[in-house]
Amino acid sequence: MVQIADNGMGMPEEVKARLFEQGLTTKGVGKGTGLGMAIANQIVTEKHCGKITCNSIFGESTIFTIVIPR
């Protein structure tokens, strides 16, 4: 298990609900492809039979947890 945490401002529920969708970006037009989290999720789940989750509280912080079985 690997956990990555930050002390940023977290994310709203609307973003968190769609976080692993291909094409989702919170950046301006032409500034992001929206592939990063979708690809990360695909690698963890399909290649390693694992799971990636996000626990984020808007206004507080975010923690990503990656679990890969033995």
PDB file of N, CA and C in Angstrom:
ATOM      1  N   MET A   1       0.841  -1.172   0.000  1.00  0.00           N
ATOM      2  CA  MET A   1       0.000   0.000   0.000  1.00  0.00           C
ATOM      3  C   MET A   1       0.890   1.241   0.000  1.00  0.00           C
ATOM      4  N   VAL A   2       0.506   2.192  -0.828  1.00  0.00           N
ATOM      5  CA  VAL A   2       1.196   3.477  -0.889  1.00  0.00           C
ATOM      6  C   VAL A   2       0.146   4.564  -0.722  1.00  0.00           C
ATOM      7  N   GLN A   3       0.429   5.523   0.135  1.00  0.00           N
ATOM      8  CA  GLN A   3      -0.460   6.670   0.298  1.00  0.00           C
ATOM      9  C   GLN A   3       0.296   7.943  -0.029  1.00  0.00           C
ATOM     10  N   ILE A   4      -0.367   8.800  -0.790  1.00  0.00           N
ATOM     11  CA  ILE A   4       0.200  10.093  -1.150  1.00  0.00           C
ATOM     12  C   ILE A   4      -0.779  11.152  -0.667  1.00  0.00           C
ATOM     13  N   ALA A   5      -0.295  12.039   0.188  1.00  0.00           N
ATOM     14  CA  ALA A   5      -1.162  13.057   0.772  1.00  0.00           C
ATOM     15  C   ALA A   5      -0.614  14.443   0.476  1.00  0.00           C
ATOM     16  N   ASP A   6      -1.513  15.406   0.463  1.00  0.00           N
ATOM     17  CA  ASP A   6      -1.082  16.795   0.328  1.00  0.00           C
ATOM     18  C   ASP A   6      -1.801  17.633   1.371  1.00  0.00           C
ATOM     19  N   ASN A   7      -1.407  18.869   1.460  1.00  0.00           N
ATOM     20  CA  ASN A   7      -2.071  19.779   2.388  1.00  0.00           C
ATOM     21  C   ASN A   7      -2.732  20.912   1.607  1.00  0.00           C
ATOM     22  N   GLY A   8      -3.132  20.593   0.373  1.00  0.00           N
ATOM     23  CA  GLY A   8      -3.792  21.578  -0.478  1.00  0.00           C
ATOM     24  C   GLY A   8      -5.228  21.810  -0.052  1.00  0.00           C
ATOM     25  N   MET A   9      -6.017  22.296  -0.998  1.00  0.00           N
ATOM     26  CA  MET A   9      -7.393  22.677  -0.674  1.00  0.00           C
ATOM     27  C   MET A   9      -8.420  21.599  -0.985  1.00  0.00           C
ATOM     28  N   GLY A  10      -7.980  20.384  -1.267  1.00  0.00           N
ATOM     29  CA  GLY A  10      -8.926  19.311  -1.555  1.00  0.00           C
ATOM     30  C   GLY A  10      -9.649  19.561  -2.864  1.00  0.00           C
ATOM     31  N   MET A  11     -10.664  18.754  -3.132  1.00  0.00           N
ATOM     32  CA  MET A  11     -11.417  18.931  -4.369  1.00  0.00           C
ATOM     33  C   MET A  11     -12.905  18.808  -4.104  1.00  0.00           C
ATOM     34  N   PRO A  12     -13.693  19.535  -4.895  1.00  0.00           N
ATOM     35  CA  PRO A  12     -15.147  19.443  -4.724  1.00  0.00           C
ATOM     36  C   PRO A  12     -15.654  18.045  -5.108  1.00  0.00           C
ATOM     37  N   GLU A  13     -16.816  17.683  -4.595  1.00  0.00           N
ATOM     38  CA  GLU A  13     -17.411  16.372  -4.858  1.00  0.00           C
ATOM     39  C   GLU A  13     -17.611  16.127  -6.347  1.00  0.00           C
ATOM     40  N   GLU A  14     -17.950  17.172  -7.117  1.00  0.00           N
ATOM     41  CA  GLU A  14     -18.190  17.008  -8.559  1.00  0.00           C
ATOM     42  C   GLU A  14     -16.923  16.507  -9.262  1.00  0.00           C
ATOM     43  N   VAL A  15     -15.778  17.017  -8.861  1.00  0.00           N
ATOM     44  CA  VAL A  15     -14.510  16.602  -9.460  1.00  0.00           C
ATOM     45  C   VAL A  15     -14.143  15.209  -8.950  1.00  0.00           C
ATOM     46  N   LYS A  16     -14.265  14.995  -7.662  1.00  0.00           N
ATOM     47  CA  LYS A  16     -13.902  13.704  -7.063  1.00  0.00           C
ATOM     48  C   LYS A  16     -14.721  12.564  -7.676  1.00  0.00           C
ATOM     49  N   ALA A  17     -15.984  12.799  -7.967  1.00  0.00           N
ATOM     50  CA  ALA A  17     -16.854  11.773  -8.532  1.00  0.00           C
ATOM     51  C   ALA A  17     -16.424  11.367  -9.943  1.00  0.00           C
ATOM     52  N   ARG A  18     -15.762  12.263 -10.658  1.00  0.00           N
ATOM     53  CA  ARG A  18     -15.360  12.005 -12.045  1.00  0.00           C
ATOM     54  C   ARG A  18     -13.847  11.869 -12.204  1.00  0.00           C
ATOM     55  N   LEU A  19     -13.129  11.771 -11.127  1.00  0.00           N
ATOM     56  CA  LEU A  19     -11.669  11.864 -11.110  1.00  0.00           C
ATOM     57  C   LEU A  19     -10.965  10.932 -12.092  1.00  0.00           C
ATOM     58  N   PHE A  20     -11.462   9.719 -12.238  1.00  0.00           N
ATOM     59  CA  PHE A  20     -10.772   8.739 -13.070  1.00  0.00           C
ATOM     60  C   PHE A  20     -11.338   8.660 -14.488  1.00  0.00           C
ATOM     61  N   GLU A  21     -12.205   9.590 -14.862  1.00  0.00           N
ATOM     62  CA  GLU A  21     -12.750   9.633 -16.215  1.00  0.00           C
ATOM     63  C   GLU A  21     -11.715  10.189 -17.191  1.00  0.00           C
ATOM     64  N   GLN A  22     -11.602   9.532 -18.321  1.00  0.00           N
ATOM     65  CA  GLN A  22     -10.697  10.020 -19.357  1.00  0.00           C
ATOM     66  C   GLN A  22     -11.235  11.344 -19.887  1.00  0.00           C
ATOM     67  N   GLY A  23     -10.374  12.322 -19.988  1.00  0.00           N
ATOM     68  CA  GLY A  23     -10.751  13.632 -20.511  1.00  0.00           C
ATOM     69  C   GLY A  23     -11.094  14.664 -19.452  1.00  0.00           C
ATOM     70  N   LEU A  24     -11.214  14.253 -18.192  1.00  0.00           N
ATOM     71  CA  LEU A  24     -11.509  15.222 -17.132  1.00  0.00           C
ATOM     72  C   LEU A  24     -10.271  16.055 -16.851  1.00  0.00           C
ATOM     73  N   THR A  25     -10.404  17.350 -16.927  1.00  0.00           N
ATOM     74  CA  THR A  25      -9.324  18.259 -16.561  1.00  0.00           C
ATOM     75  C   THR A  25      -9.920  19.453 -15.836  1.00  0.00           C
ATOM     76  N   THR A  26      -9.187  19.973 -14.892  1.00  0.00           N
ATOM     77  CA  THR A  26      -9.624  21.173 -14.186  1.00  0.00           C
ATOM     78  C   THR A  26      -8.858  22.384 -14.683  1.00  0.00           C
ATOM     79  N   LYS A  27      -8.016  22.159 -15.683  1.00  0.00           N
ATOM     80  CA  LYS A  27      -7.220  23.246 -16.252  1.00  0.00           C
ATOM     81  C   LYS A  27      -8.000  23.940 -17.362  1.00  0.00           C
ATOM     82  N   GLY A  28      -7.516  25.089 -17.759  1.00  0.00           N
ATOM     83  CA  GLY A  28      -8.156  25.855 -18.812  1.00  0.00           C
ATOM     84  C   GLY A  28      -8.068  25.169 -20.167  1.00  0.00           C
ATOM     85  N   VAL A  29      -8.828  25.667 -21.130  1.00  0.00           N
ATOM     86  CA  VAL A  29      -8.852  25.110 -22.484  1.00  0.00           C
ATOM     87  C   VAL A  29      -7.446  25.111 -23.074  1.00  0.00           C
ATOM     88  N   GLY A  30      -7.039  23.955 -23.601  1.00  0.00           N
ATOM     89  CA  GLY A  30      -5.726  23.817 -24.209  1.00  0.00           C
ATOM     90  C   GLY A  30      -4.589  23.619 -23.224  1.00  0.00           C
ATOM     91  N   LYS A  31      -4.879  23.525 -21.937  1.00  0.00           N
ATOM     92  CA  LYS A  31      -3.836  23.417 -20.917  1.00  0.00           C
ATOM     93  C   LYS A  31      -3.671  22.014 -20.340  1.00  0.00           C
ATOM     94  N   GLY A  32      -4.618  21.123 -20.607  1.00  0.00           N
ATOM     95  CA  GLY A  32      -4.513  19.775 -20.052  1.00  0.00           C
ATOM     96  C   GLY A  32      -5.262  18.783 -20.914  1.00  0.00           C
ATOM     97  N   THR A  33      -4.820  17.540 -20.884  1.00  0.00           N
ATOM     98  CA  THR A  33      -5.463  16.510 -21.699  1.00  0.00           C
ATOM     99  C   THR A  33      -6.492  15.701 -20.914  1.00  0.00           C
ATOM    100  N   GLY A  34      -6.394  15.712 -19.606  1.00  0.00           N
ATOM    101  CA  GLY A  34      -7.331  14.938 -18.794  1.00  0.00           C
ATOM    102  C   GLY A  34      -7.068  13.450 -18.853  1.00  0.00           C
ATOM    103  N   LEU A  35      -5.824  13.052 -19.062  1.00  0.00           N
ATOM    104  CA  LEU A  35      -5.494  11.630 -19.174  1.00  0.00           C
ATOM    105  C   LEU A  35      -4.767  11.079 -17.956  1.00  0.00           C
ATOM    106  N   GLY A  36      -4.162  11.922 -17.161  1.00  0.00           N
ATOM    107  CA  GLY A  36      -3.287  11.475 -16.078  1.00  0.00           C
ATOM    108  C   GLY A  36      -3.906  10.494 -15.105  1.00  0.00           C
ATOM    109  N   MET A  37      -5.000  10.839 -14.494  1.00  0.00           N
ATOM    110  CA  MET A  37      -5.612   9.966 -13.495  1.00  0.00           C
ATOM    111  C   MET A  37      -6.274   8.762 -14.142  1.00  0.00           C
ATOM    112  N   ALA A  38      -6.817   8.928 -15.345  1.00  0.00           N
ATOM    113  CA  ALA A  38      -7.418   7.795 -16.052  1.00  0.00           C
ATOM    114  C   ALA A  38      -6.354   6.752 -16.367  1.00  0.00           C
ATOM    115  N   ILE A  39      -5.198   7.189 -16.830  1.00  0.00           N
ATOM    116  CA  ILE A  39      -4.105   6.261 -17.134  1.00  0.00           C
ATOM    117  C   ILE A  39      -3.554   5.636 -15.861  1.00  0.00           C
ATOM    118  N   ALA A  40      -3.394   6.418 -14.815  1.00  0.00           N
ATOM    119  CA  ALA A  40      -2.915   5.872 -13.535  1.00  0.00           C
ATOM    120  C   ALA A  40      -3.860   4.782 -13.041  1.00  0.00           C
ATOM    121  N   ASN A  41      -5.147   5.036 -13.111  1.00  0.00           N
ATOM    122  CA  ASN A  41      -6.140   4.055 -12.681  1.00  0.00           C
ATOM    123  C   ASN A  41      -6.069   2.794 -13.542  1.00  0.00           C
ATOM    124  N   GLN A  42      -5.925   2.966 -14.837  1.00  0.00           N
ATOM    125  CA  GLN A  42      -5.834   1.824 -15.751  1.00  0.00           C
ATOM    126  C   GLN A  42      -4.600   0.962 -15.440  1.00  0.00           C
ATOM    127  N   ILE A  43      -3.483   1.586 -15.219  1.00  0.00           N
ATOM    128  CA  ILE A  43      -2.252   0.843 -14.911  1.00  0.00           C
ATOM    129  C   ILE A  43      -2.400   0.068 -13.609  1.00  0.00           C
ATOM    130  N   VAL A  44      -2.894   0.733 -12.573  1.00  0.00           N
ATOM    131  CA  VAL A  44      -3.017   0.081 -11.264  1.00  0.00           C
ATOM    132  C   VAL A  44      -4.020  -1.069 -11.318  1.00  0.00           C
ATOM    133  N   THR A  45      -5.179  -0.850 -11.960  1.00  0.00           N
ATOM    134  CA  THR A  45      -6.225  -1.879 -11.949  1.00  0.00           C
ATOM    135  C   THR A  45      -5.981  -2.998 -12.952  1.00  0.00           C
ATOM    136  N   GLU A  46      -5.620  -2.645 -14.189  1.00  0.00           N
ATOM    137  CA  GLU A  46      -5.492  -3.659 -15.231  1.00  0.00           C
ATOM    138  C   GLU A  46      -4.148  -4.372 -15.225  1.00  0.00           C
ATOM    139  N   LYS A  47      -3.088  -3.656 -15.044  1.00  0.00           N
ATOM    140  CA  LYS A  47      -1.750  -4.261 -15.111  1.00  0.00           C
ATOM    141  C   LYS A  47      -1.328  -4.915 -13.797  1.00  0.00           C
ATOM    142  N   HIS A  48      -1.817  -4.381 -12.677  1.00  0.00           N
ATOM    143  CA  HIS A  48      -1.366  -4.874 -11.376  1.00  0.00           C
ATOM    144  C   HIS A  48      -2.482  -5.452 -10.510  1.00  0.00           C
ATOM    145  N   CYS A  49      -3.713  -5.510 -11.045  1.00  0.00           N
ATOM    146  CA  CYS A  49      -4.874  -6.043 -10.306  1.00  0.00           C
ATOM    147  C   CYS A  49      -5.041  -5.348  -8.952  1.00  0.00           C
ATOM    148  N   GLY A  50      -4.739  -4.068  -8.925  1.00  0.00           N
ATOM    149  CA  GLY A  50      -4.821  -3.304  -7.687  1.00  0.00           C
ATOM    150  C   GLY A  50      -5.986  -2.343  -7.681  1.00  0.00           C
ATOM    151  N   LYS A  51      -5.902  -1.380  -6.794  1.00  0.00           N
ATOM    152  CA  LYS A  51      -6.980  -0.413  -6.630  1.00  0.00           C
ATOM    153  C   LYS A  51      -6.374   0.934  -6.242  1.00  0.00           C
ATOM    154  N   ILE A  52      -6.912   1.999  -6.811  1.00  0.00           N
ATOM    155  CA  ILE A  52      -6.506   3.347  -6.433  1.00  0.00           C
ATOM    156  C   ILE A  52      -7.748   4.095  -5.977  1.00  0.00           C
ATOM    157  N   THR A  53      -7.650   4.713  -4.825  1.00  0.00           N
ATOM    158  CA  THR A  53      -8.786   5.465  -4.291  1.00  0.00           C
ATOM    159  C   THR A  53      -8.341   6.872  -3.907  1.00  0.00           C
ATOM    160  N   CYS A  54      -9.317   7.735  -3.794  1.00  0.00           N
ATOM    161  CA  CYS A  54      -9.059   9.125  -3.434  1.00  0.00           C
ATOM    162  C   CYS A  54      -9.976   9.522  -2.291  1.00  0.00           C
ATOM    163  N   ASN A  55      -9.385  10.050  -1.237  1.00  0.00           N
ATOM    164  CA  ASN A  55     -10.143  10.597  -0.121  1.00  0.00           C
ATOM    165  C   ASN A  55      -9.797  12.077  -0.053  1.00  0.00           C
ATOM    166  N   SER A  56     -10.769  12.904  -0.424  1.00  0.00           N
ATOM    167  CA  SER A  56     -10.512  14.337  -0.461  1.00  0.00           C
ATOM    168  C   SER A  56     -11.629  15.082   0.246  1.00  0.00           C
ATOM    169  N   ILE A  57     -11.231  16.020   1.074  1.00  0.00           N
ATOM    170  CA  ILE A  57     -12.196  16.880   1.758  1.00  0.00           C
ATOM    171  C   ILE A  57     -11.955  18.298   1.268  1.00  0.00           C
ATOM    172  N   PHE A  58     -12.966  18.838   0.597  1.00  0.00           N
ATOM    173  CA  PHE A  58     -12.827  20.172   0.030  1.00  0.00           C
ATOM    174  C   PHE A  58     -12.504  21.184   1.126  1.00  0.00           C
ATOM    175  N   GLY A  59     -11.478  21.965   0.873  1.00  0.00           N
ATOM    176  CA  GLY A  59     -11.038  22.955   1.851  1.00  0.00           C
ATOM    177  C   GLY A  59      -9.976  22.440   2.807  1.00  0.00           C
ATOM    178  N   GLU A  60      -9.654  21.150   2.726  1.00  0.00           N
ATOM    179  CA  GLU A  60      -8.682  20.582   3.669  1.00  0.00           C
ATOM    180  C   GLU A  60      -7.500  19.918   2.971  1.00  0.00           C
ATOM    181  N   SER A  61      -7.708  18.696   2.443  1.00  0.00           N
ATOM    182  CA  SER A  61      -6.583  17.960   1.854  1.00  0.00           C
ATOM    183  C   SER A  61      -7.081  16.799   1.004  1.00  0.00           C
ATOM    184  N   THR A  62      -6.140  16.094   0.400  1.00  0.00           N
ATOM    185  CA  THR A  62      -6.444  14.919  -0.416  1.00  0.00           C
ATOM    186  C   THR A  62      -5.438  13.821  -0.100  1.00  0.00           C
ATOM    187  N   ILE A  63      -5.928  12.586  -0.053  1.00  0.00           N
ATOM    188  CA  ILE A  63      -5.060  11.423   0.109  1.00  0.00           C
ATOM    189  C   ILE A  63      -5.421  10.405  -0.973  1.00  0.00           C
ATOM    190  N   PHE A  64      -4.427  10.025  -1.761  1.00  0.00           N
ATOM    191  CA  PHE A  64      -4.588   8.941  -2.724  1.00  0.00           C
ATOM    192  C   PHE A  64      -3.989   7.689  -2.104  1.00  0.00           C
ATOM    193  N   THR A  65      -4.708   6.572  -2.231  1.00  0.00           N
ATOM    194  CA  THR A  65      -4.220   5.308  -1.722  1.00  0.00           C
ATOM    195  C   THR A  65      -4.156   4.314  -2.873  1.00  0.00           C
ATOM    196  N   ILE A  66      -3.001   3.686  -3.040  1.00  0.00           N
ATOM    197  CA  ILE A  66      -2.798   2.681  -4.076  1.00  0.00           C
ATOM    198  C   ILE A  66      -2.495   1.363  -3.368  1.00  0.00           C
ATOM    199  N   VAL A  67      -3.291   0.342  -3.678  1.00  0.00           N
ATOM    200  CA  VAL A  67      -3.086  -0.982  -3.099  1.00  0.00           C
ATOM    201  C   VAL A  67      -2.853  -1.958  -4.251  1.00  0.00           C
ATOM    202  N   ILE A  68      -1.736  -2.658  -4.185  1.00  0.00           N
ATOM    203  CA  ILE A  68      -1.387  -3.656  -5.192  1.00  0.00           C
ATOM    204  C   ILE A  68      -1.188  -4.979  -4.442  1.00  0.00           C
ATOM    205  N   PRO A  69      -1.931  -6.028  -4.855  1.00  0.00           N
ATOM    206  CA  PRO A  69      -1.797  -7.307  -4.145  1.00  0.00           C
ATOM    207  C   PRO A  69      -0.437  -7.953  -4.410  1.00  0.00           C
ATOM    208  N   ARG A  70      -0.089  -8.891  -3.568  1.00  0.00           N
ATOM    209  CA  ARG A  70       1.185  -9.610  -3.704  1.00  0.00           C
ATOM    210  C   ARG A  70       1.154 -10.529  -4.882  1.00  0.00           C
TER     211      ARG A  70
END
